[in-house]
């Protein structure tokens, strides 16, 4: 794969190798095979029997034996086969919905893991920059100490700040490696085979309002699947009702009567009488299951709607924070840091004032990266809940 991992490569590897997705894909194949089985007719039955031999009196020996060969076939009444086939087909569709739900869950998890890993990488890069700044500042202080312009105390302070920056850099590196390992786990990798990510944390061009986004809730597979689920419950009810009509078995055969040296044909019909068992319990259970499914659909939609409202609010809050940091906080922190450096060189500010301005700047940059990551994760959450990319929703 190379040393650098792109988001598109991560998606491709996850779709191909994610163990959970593979499990759901096999489940779809299982249901497809069961649908094939549901469409098959019952096998005919071949019976053979011999009677009136090996006994006593007139039945001694084989001279009085009767041999019968019979072929029978069950005839499915009540459209059993057609209804069973339809029920199995809808069950297969539900398995496909389950796969789609898992696919979106997995890709959303991957997206958030990639965002977190990219955030950790940016924080590590930024901390490296802070180490370089702390080192340059330490070297500048060291030169001034050797020239007798400042006391050795400031050298010690600068050295402490440089050591602290190195410690934070190591912590950032560990966090980045952990984030990379979490990302690689989405395609079942036991070891990380990349050293960096290729991408950036973008700011969406526009965020549709909640009323516009809410219209896409029906495209969420958690909601959309219930249309198929209710159809499947109706098909199950119809199938259970058809079982109240008993299946008929017809048979035809041949009989050989040895002591009369005669042969005869046989025909037969067998029909169970639905006197006690008319499948009434299963019919009632299937009807209750249908009622439950209709209730569950509405409950699921309400839960998704609540989650979407919360996620959309978080998205707007994250966007506001990013815009404020970008427009006011970062420019102000950069200006303050440059002024503190200039003032320190001119003797107007002391070391602590420069250090405070430096910490404010890099803390603001760190918060900006965190806010960008939170914004992108919020976008991923909203897109999962509506099953649609936000950029495909027109704001006009």
Protein backbone atom coordinates (compact mmCIF):
# COMPACT_ATOMS: atom_id res chain seq x y z
CA UNK A 1 0.00 0.00 0.00
CA UNK A 2 2.96 2.33 0.46
CA UNK A 3 3.88 4.61 3.34
CA UNK A 4 1.03 7.08 2.85
CA UNK A 5 -2.61 6.07 3.22
CA UNK A 6 -5.39 7.94 1.43
CA UNK A 7 -9.00 7.99 2.55
CA UNK A 8 -10.10 6.28 -0.67
CA UNK A 9 -7.62 3.43 -0.08
CA UNK A 10 -8.87 3.01 3.48
CA UNK A 11 -12.46 2.74 2.21
CA UNK A 12 -11.50 0.18 -0.45
CA UNK A 13 -9.61 -2.01 2.01
CA UNK A 14 -12.44 -1.82 4.55
CA UNK A 15 -15.09 -2.82 2.03
CA UNK A 16 -12.97 -5.77 0.92
CA UNK A 17 -11.55 -7.04 4.19
CA UNK A 18 -13.68 -5.85 7.12
CA UNK A 19 -14.59 -9.07 9.02
CA UNK A 20 -17.99 -7.79 10.16
CA UNK A 21 -19.01 -6.79 6.64
CA UNK A 22 -17.92 -10.16 5.32
CA UNK A 23 -20.09 -11.85 7.93
CA UNK A 24 -23.16 -9.88 6.84
CA UNK A 25 -22.38 -10.59 3.18
CA UNK A 26 -22.40 -14.33 3.95
CA UNK A 27 -25.72 -13.90 5.74
CA UNK A 28 -27.22 -12.48 2.54
CA UNK A 29 -25.96 -15.52 0.64
CA UNK A 30 -27.49 -17.80 3.27
CA UNK A 31 -30.90 -16.17 2.79
CA UNK A 32 -30.58 -16.38 -0.99
CA UNK A 33 -29.93 -20.11 -0.68
CA UNK A 34 -32.94 -20.49 1.62
CA UNK A 35 -35.08 -18.68 -0.95
CA UNK A 36 -34.03 -21.25 -3.56
CA UNK A 37 -35.00 -24.02 -1.15
CA UNK A 38 -38.37 -22.40 -0.42
CA UNK A 39 -39.30 -22.49 -4.13
CA UNK A 40 -38.79 -26.26 -4.48
CA UNK A 41 -41.69 -28.71 -4.68
CA UNK A 42 -41.97 -31.59 -2.19
CA UNK A 43 -40.34 -34.80 -3.40
CA UNK A 44 -42.62 -37.67 -4.48
CA UNK A 45 -42.55 -40.77 -2.27
CA UNK A 46 -42.10 -44.32 -3.56
CA UNK A 47 -43.42 -47.08 -1.29
CA UNK A 48 -43.12 -50.85 -1.65
CA UNK A 49 -44.61 -53.45 0.66
CA UNK A 50 -45.15 -57.20 0.77
CA UNK A 51 -47.78 -58.85 2.98
CA UNK A 52 -49.48 -62.20 3.66
CA UNK A 53 -46.31 -64.33 3.67
CA UNK A 54 -44.19 -66.20 6.16
CA UNK A 55 -47.14 -66.90 8.41
CA UNK A 56 -49.18 -69.99 9.20
CA UNK A 57 -52.03 -71.80 7.51
CA UNK A 58 -52.87 -70.30 4.14
CA UNK A 59 -50.18 -67.66 4.63
CA UNK A 60 -47.34 -70.14 5.02
CA UNK A 61 -44.51 -69.58 2.54
CA UNK A 62 -44.76 -67.08 -0.29
CA UNK A 63 -47.61 -68.50 -2.36
CA UNK A 64 -50.23 -66.13 -0.94
CA UNK A 65 -48.12 -63.01 -0.80
CA UNK A 66 -49.36 -59.66 -2.04
CA UNK A 67 -46.87 -57.11 -3.38
CA UNK A 68 -47.78 -53.44 -3.59
CA UNK A 69 -45.81 -50.61 -5.18
CA UNK A 70 -47.17 -47.11 -4.64
CA UNK A 71 -46.06 -43.61 -5.77
CA UNK A 72 -47.48 -40.63 -3.86
CA UNK A 73 -47.16 -36.88 -4.17
CA UNK A 74 -48.17 -34.10 -1.79
CA UNK A 75 -50.29 -31.39 -3.44
CA UNK A 76 -49.80 -28.01 -1.81
CA UNK A 77 -53.11 -26.25 -1.37
CA UNK A 78 -53.65 -22.70 -0.11
CA UNK A 79 -50.83 -21.41 -2.37
CA UNK A 80 -48.28 -22.57 0.22
CA UNK A 81 -45.36 -22.71 -2.16
CA UNK A 82 -45.97 -19.27 -3.66
CA UNK A 83 -46.41 -17.66 -0.25
CA UNK A 84 -43.40 -19.44 1.21
CA UNK A 85 -41.33 -18.23 -1.75
CA UNK A 86 -42.50 -14.63 -1.27
CA UNK A 87 -41.80 -14.80 2.47
CA UNK A 88 -38.30 -16.12 1.84
CA UNK A 89 -37.67 -13.40 -0.76
CA UNK A 90 -38.61 -10.65 1.69
CA UNK A 91 -36.42 -12.26 4.35
CA UNK A 92 -33.54 -12.04 1.87
CA UNK A 93 -34.30 -8.36 1.32
CA UNK A 94 -34.15 -7.82 5.09
CA UNK A 95 -30.72 -9.46 5.16
CA UNK A 96 -29.65 -7.03 2.43
CA UNK A 97 -30.95 -4.13 4.54
CA UNK A 98 -28.97 -5.48 7.50
CA UNK A 99 -25.87 -5.55 5.29
CA UNK A 100 -26.51 -1.96 4.16
CA UNK A 101 -26.92 -0.84 7.78
CA UNK A 102 -23.69 -2.54 8.77
CA UNK A 103 -21.93 -1.10 5.71
CA UNK A 104 -22.93 2.45 6.65
CA UNK A 105 -22.03 1.86 10.30
CA UNK A 106 -18.63 0.51 9.30
CA UNK A 107 -17.88 3.28 6.81
CA UNK A 108 -19.01 5.93 9.30
CA UNK A 109 -16.75 4.38 11.93
CA UNK A 110 -13.91 4.29 9.41
CA UNK A 111 -14.48 7.94 8.48
CA UNK A 112 -14.40 9.00 12.10
CA UNK A 113 -11.31 6.89 12.75
CA UNK A 114 -9.58 8.45 9.74
CA UNK A 115 -10.53 11.93 10.97
CA UNK A 116 -9.18 11.13 14.45
CA UNK A 117 -5.97 9.70 13.00
CA UNK A 118 -5.57 12.75 10.77
CA UNK A 119 -6.19 14.97 13.80
CA UNK A 120 -3.50 13.11 15.76
CA UNK A 121 -1.08 13.46 12.84
CA UNK A 122 -1.71 17.21 12.57
CA UNK A 123 -1.26 17.63 16.32
CA UNK A 124 2.03 15.73 16.13
CA UNK A 125 3.25 17.90 13.23
CA UNK A 126 2.23 21.02 15.13
CA UNK A 127 4.03 19.83 18.25
CA UNK A 128 7.18 19.27 16.17
CA UNK A 129 6.90 22.90 15.11
CA UNK A 130 6.55 23.94 18.74
CA UNK A 131 9.70 21.93 19.61
CA UNK A 132 11.57 23.76 16.84
CA UNK A 133 10.34 27.12 18.14
CA UNK A 134 11.29 26.21 21.72
CA UNK A 135 14.73 25.07 20.55
CA UNK A 136 15.35 28.27 18.60
CA UNK A 137 14.22 30.34 21.55
CA UNK A 138 16.48 28.35 23.89
CA UNK A 139 19.46 28.87 21.57
CA UNK A 140 18.67 32.58 21.42
CA UNK A 141 18.54 32.78 25.24
CA UNK A 142 21.74 30.77 25.47
CA UNK A 143 23.54 33.24 23.20
CA UNK A 144 22.27 36.16 25.28
CA UNK A 145 23.41 34.47 28.50
CA UNK A 146 26.88 33.90 27.06
CA UNK A 147 26.95 37.55 25.98
CA UNK A 148 25.98 38.59 29.50
CA UNK A 149 22.75 40.26 28.38
CA UNK A 150 20.39 38.10 30.47
CA UNK A 151 20.75 35.98 33.57
CA UNK A 152 21.23 32.21 33.63
CA UNK A 153 17.77 31.85 35.20
CA UNK A 154 16.11 32.57 31.87
CA UNK A 155 18.28 29.90 30.28
CA UNK A 156 16.97 27.37 32.78
CA UNK A 157 13.37 28.45 32.10
CA UNK A 158 13.88 28.08 28.36
CA UNK A 159 15.47 24.66 28.86
CA UNK A 160 12.52 23.51 30.98
CA UNK A 161 10.11 24.70 28.29
CA UNK A 162 12.10 22.83 25.62
CA UNK A 163 12.06 19.62 27.68
CA UNK A 164 8.33 19.96 28.23
CA UNK A 165 7.83 20.38 24.47
CA UNK A 166 9.82 17.17 23.85
CA UNK A 167 7.65 15.27 26.35
CA UNK A 168 4.48 16.53 24.66
CA UNK A 169 5.91 15.54 21.28
CA UNK A 170 6.42 11.96 22.48
CA UNK A 171 2.88 11.87 23.84
CA UNK A 172 1.58 13.14 20.51
CA UNK A 173 3.53 10.45 18.69
CA UNK A 174 2.05 7.73 20.89
CA UNK A 175 -1.45 9.09 20.33
CA UNK A 176 -0.88 9.14 16.59
CA UNK A 177 0.34 5.54 16.54
CA UNK A 178 -2.69 4.43 18.55
CA UNK A 179 -5.01 6.26 16.15
CA UNK A 180 -3.25 4.60 13.18
CA UNK A 181 -3.69 1.17 14.79
CA UNK A 182 -7.39 1.81 15.37
CA UNK A 183 -7.77 2.84 11.74
CA UNK A 184 -5.96 -0.26 10.45
CA UNK A 185 -8.22 -2.51 12.53
CA UNK A 186 -11.14 -1.67 10.23
CA UNK A 187 -9.71 -3.96 7.57
CA UNK A 188 -8.48 -6.54 10.03
CA UNK A 189 -4.80 -5.55 9.93
CA UNK A 190 -2.75 -6.63 12.93
CA UNK A 191 0.11 -4.29 12.06
CA UNK A 192 0.11 -0.74 10.69
CA UNK A 193 1.62 -0.71 7.21
CA UNK A 194 1.51 3.06 6.67
CA UNK A 195 3.43 5.89 8.29
CA UNK A 196 1.29 8.89 7.36
CA UNK A 197 -2.12 9.93 6.08
CA UNK A 198 -2.85 11.98 3.00
CA UNK A 199 -5.73 14.36 3.57
CA UNK A 200 -6.95 17.44 5.33
CA UNK A 201 -9.78 18.48 7.60
CA UNK A 202 -12.13 20.52 5.44
CA UNK A 203 -14.79 23.05 6.34
CA UNK A 204 -18.12 22.31 4.59
CA UNK A 205 -19.11 24.94 2.04
CA UNK A 206 -22.60 25.10 3.51
CA UNK A 207 -24.71 23.34 6.14
CA UNK A 208 -28.36 22.71 5.20
CA UNK A 209 -30.86 23.72 7.87
CA UNK A 210 -32.48 21.05 10.00
CA UNK A 211 -35.84 21.16 8.23
CA UNK A 212 -34.14 20.39 4.92
CA UNK A 213 -31.98 17.63 6.37
CA UNK A 214 -34.91 16.01 8.18
CA UNK A 215 -36.58 15.20 4.85
CA UNK A 216 -33.91 12.58 4.19
CA UNK A 217 -34.58 10.50 7.33
CA UNK A 218 -36.43 7.91 5.25
CA UNK A 219 -33.16 7.13 3.45
CA UNK A 220 -31.61 5.97 6.71
CA UNK A 221 -31.52 2.16 6.37
CA UNK A 222 -32.57 1.79 10.02
CA UNK A 223 -35.84 3.46 9.01
CA UNK A 224 -36.12 2.32 5.40
CA UNK A 225 -35.83 -1.36 6.29
CA UNK A 226 -39.13 -1.28 8.18
CA UNK A 227 -41.12 -0.99 4.93
CA UNK A 228 -39.66 -4.35 3.93
CA UNK A 229 -40.02 -5.66 7.48
CA UNK A 230 -43.76 -4.93 7.50
CA UNK A 231 -44.17 -6.52 4.07
CA UNK A 232 -42.36 -9.58 5.42
CA UNK A 233 -44.63 -9.74 8.48
CA UNK A 234 -47.70 -9.49 6.22
CA UNK A 235 -46.30 -12.30 4.06
CA UNK A 236 -45.69 -14.35 7.20
CA UNK A 237 -49.30 -13.80 8.30
CA UNK A 238 -50.59 -14.85 4.88
CA UNK A 239 -48.39 -17.95 4.95
CA UNK A 240 -49.62 -18.97 8.40
CA UNK A 241 -53.22 -18.45 7.29
CA UNK A 242 -52.62 -20.70 4.27
CA UNK A 243 -51.55 -23.51 6.61
CA UNK A 244 -55.13 -23.72 7.85
CA UNK A 245 -55.93 -25.37 4.51
CA UNK A 246 -54.48 -28.89 4.76
CA UNK A 247 -52.32 -30.25 1.97
CA UNK A 248 -53.62 -33.21 0.00
CA UNK A 249 -51.65 -36.31 -0.88
CA UNK A 250 -52.54 -38.38 -3.95
CA UNK A 251 -51.10 -41.77 -4.75
CA UNK A 252 -51.19 -44.38 -7.49
CA UNK A 253 -49.73 -47.86 -7.57
CA UNK A 254 -49.71 -51.51 -8.55
CA UNK A 255 -50.58 -54.64 -6.58
CA UNK A 256 -49.69 -58.26 -7.38
CA UNK A 257 -51.73 -61.06 -5.68
CA UNK A 258 -49.80 -64.32 -6.09
CA UNK A 259 -52.39 -66.94 -5.04
CA UNK A 260 -54.91 -65.53 -7.51
CA UNK A 261 -52.27 -64.89 -10.13
CA UNK A 262 -53.84 -61.44 -10.56
CA UNK A 263 -52.75 -57.80 -10.70
CA UNK A 264 -54.61 -54.58 -9.85
CA UNK A 265 -54.14 -50.82 -9.94
CA UNK A 266 -54.31 -48.62 -6.85
CA UNK A 267 -55.26 -44.95 -6.43
CA UNK A 268 -55.64 -43.01 -3.23
CA UNK A 269 -56.30 -39.58 -1.77
CA UNK A 270 -55.37 -38.43 1.73
CA UNK A 271 -56.66 -35.17 3.22
CA UNK A 272 -56.13 -34.22 6.89
CA UNK A 273 -59.28 -32.95 8.59
CA UNK A 274 -58.58 -29.60 10.32
CA UNK A 275 -60.79 -30.33 13.27
CA UNK A 276 -58.56 -29.38 16.20
CA UNK A 277 -55.52 -27.72 14.67
CA UNK A 278 -56.29 -24.95 12.20
CA UNK A 279 -52.98 -23.20 12.92
CA UNK A 280 -54.93 -20.55 14.78
CA UNK A 281 -52.18 -19.92 17.34
CA UNK A 282 -49.51 -19.21 14.74
CA UNK A 283 -51.91 -17.01 12.77
CA UNK A 284 -52.60 -14.92 15.86
CA UNK A 285 -48.86 -14.69 16.67
CA UNK A 286 -48.10 -13.56 13.10
CA UNK A 287 -50.78 -10.86 13.36
CA UNK A 288 -49.28 -9.62 16.63
CA UNK A 289 -45.83 -9.57 15.03
CA UNK A 290 -47.23 -7.37 12.26
CA UNK A 291 -48.68 -4.96 14.82
CA UNK A 292 -45.38 -4.91 16.68
CA UNK A 293 -43.46 -4.14 13.49
CA UNK A 294 -45.67 -1.15 12.74
CA UNK A 295 -45.05 0.17 16.25
CA UNK A 296 -41.31 -0.46 15.99
CA UNK A 297 -41.12 1.45 12.71
CA UNK A 298 -42.59 4.56 14.30
CA UNK A 299 -40.37 4.15 17.37
CA UNK A 300 -37.26 3.84 15.20
CA UNK A 301 -38.16 6.92 13.21
CA UNK A 302 -38.63 8.96 16.40
CA UNK A 303 -35.25 7.78 17.76
CA UNK A 304 -33.48 8.66 14.50
CA UNK A 305 -35.21 12.04 14.45
CA UNK A 306 -34.02 12.79 17.99
CA UNK A 307 -30.48 11.71 17.17
CA UNK A 308 -30.49 13.80 13.99
CA UNK A 309 -31.65 16.91 15.85
CA UNK A 310 -28.87 16.46 18.42
CA UNK A 311 -26.20 15.74 15.80
CA UNK A 312 -27.26 18.70 13.66
CA UNK A 313 -27.04 21.01 16.69
CA UNK A 314 -23.53 19.71 17.42
CA UNK A 315 -22.62 20.25 13.78
CA UNK A 316 -23.73 23.88 13.87
CA UNK A 317 -21.92 24.46 17.17
CA UNK A 318 -18.72 22.93 15.79
CA UNK A 319 -18.95 25.06 12.64
CA UNK A 320 -19.43 28.22 14.73
CA UNK A 321 -16.37 27.40 16.86
CA UNK A 322 -14.20 26.75 13.80
CA UNK A 323 -15.28 30.01 12.19
CA UNK A 324 -14.60 32.01 15.38
CA UNK A 325 -11.19 30.42 15.87
CA UNK A 326 -10.31 31.03 12.25
CA UNK A 327 -11.59 34.61 12.11
CA UNK A 328 -10.64 36.01 15.51
CA UNK A 329 -8.72 33.76 17.89
CA UNK A 330 -5.89 32.55 15.65
CA UNK A 331 -5.13 35.94 14.06
CA UNK A 332 -5.15 37.58 17.50
CA UNK A 333 -2.87 34.94 19.00
CA UNK A 334 -0.41 35.18 16.10
CA UNK A 335 -0.30 38.97 16.34
CA UNK A 336 0.25 38.80 20.11
CA UNK A 337 3.07 36.28 19.72
CA UNK A 338 4.85 38.32 17.07
CA UNK A 339 4.51 41.45 19.21
CA UNK A 340 5.87 39.61 22.28
CA UNK A 341 8.89 38.37 20.33
CA UNK A 342 9.60 41.81 18.97
CA UNK A 343 9.15 43.40 22.41
CA UNK A 344 11.44 40.82 24.01
CA UNK A 345 14.21 41.57 21.53
CA UNK A 346 13.78 45.26 22.28
CA UNK A 347 13.79 44.62 26.03
CA UNK A 348 10.16 45.67 26.53
CA UNK A 349 8.89 42.21 27.61
CA UNK A 350 10.38 39.52 29.79
CA UNK A 351 10.68 35.80 29.12
CA UNK A 352 7.39 34.85 30.81
CA UNK A 353 5.40 37.24 28.63
CA UNK A 354 6.90 35.72 25.49
CA UNK A 355 6.26 32.22 26.83
CA UNK A 356 2.65 33.07 27.63
CA UNK A 357 2.08 34.43 24.11
CA UNK A 358 3.72 31.32 22.62
CA UNK A 359 1.54 28.96 24.66
CA UNK A 360 -1.59 30.92 23.76
CA UNK A 361 -0.77 30.66 20.06
CA UNK A 362 -0.07 26.93 20.02
CA UNK A 363 -2.98 26.17 22.36
CA UNK A 364 -5.24 28.04 19.94
CA UNK A 365 -3.82 26.09 17.01
CA UNK A 366 -4.37 22.84 18.89
CA UNK A 367 -7.95 23.82 19.66
CA UNK A 368 -8.49 24.74 16.02
CA UNK A 369 -7.39 21.28 14.86
CA UNK A 370 -9.63 19.69 17.49
CA UNK A 371 -12.57 21.83 16.40
CA UNK A 372 -11.99 20.94 12.74
CA UNK A 373 -11.94 17.25 13.65
CA UNK A 374 -15.11 17.60 15.73
CA UNK A 375 -16.78 19.39 12.81
CA UNK A 376 -15.87 16.62 10.37
CA UNK A 377 -16.99 13.91 12.79
CA UNK A 378 -20.30 15.76 13.23
CA UNK A 379 -20.75 15.81 9.45
CA UNK A 380 -20.14 12.05 9.34
CA UNK A 381 -22.73 11.50 12.09
CA UNK A 382 -25.40 13.54 10.31
CA UNK A 383 -24.69 11.84 6.97
CA UNK A 384 -25.07 8.44 8.64
CA UNK A 385 -28.43 9.40 10.10
CA UNK A 386 -29.83 10.55 6.74
CA UNK A 387 -27.98 8.06 4.55
CA UNK A 388 -26.98 10.92 2.22
CA UNK A 389 -23.87 13.13 1.85
CA UNK A 390 -24.60 16.71 2.91
CA UNK A 391 -23.01 18.07 -0.26
CA UNK A 392 -25.76 16.34 -2.27
CA UNK A 393 -28.47 18.30 -0.46
CA UNK A 394 -29.32 21.54 -2.21
CA UNK A 395 -29.56 24.58 0.06
CA UNK A 396 -31.31 26.67 -2.58
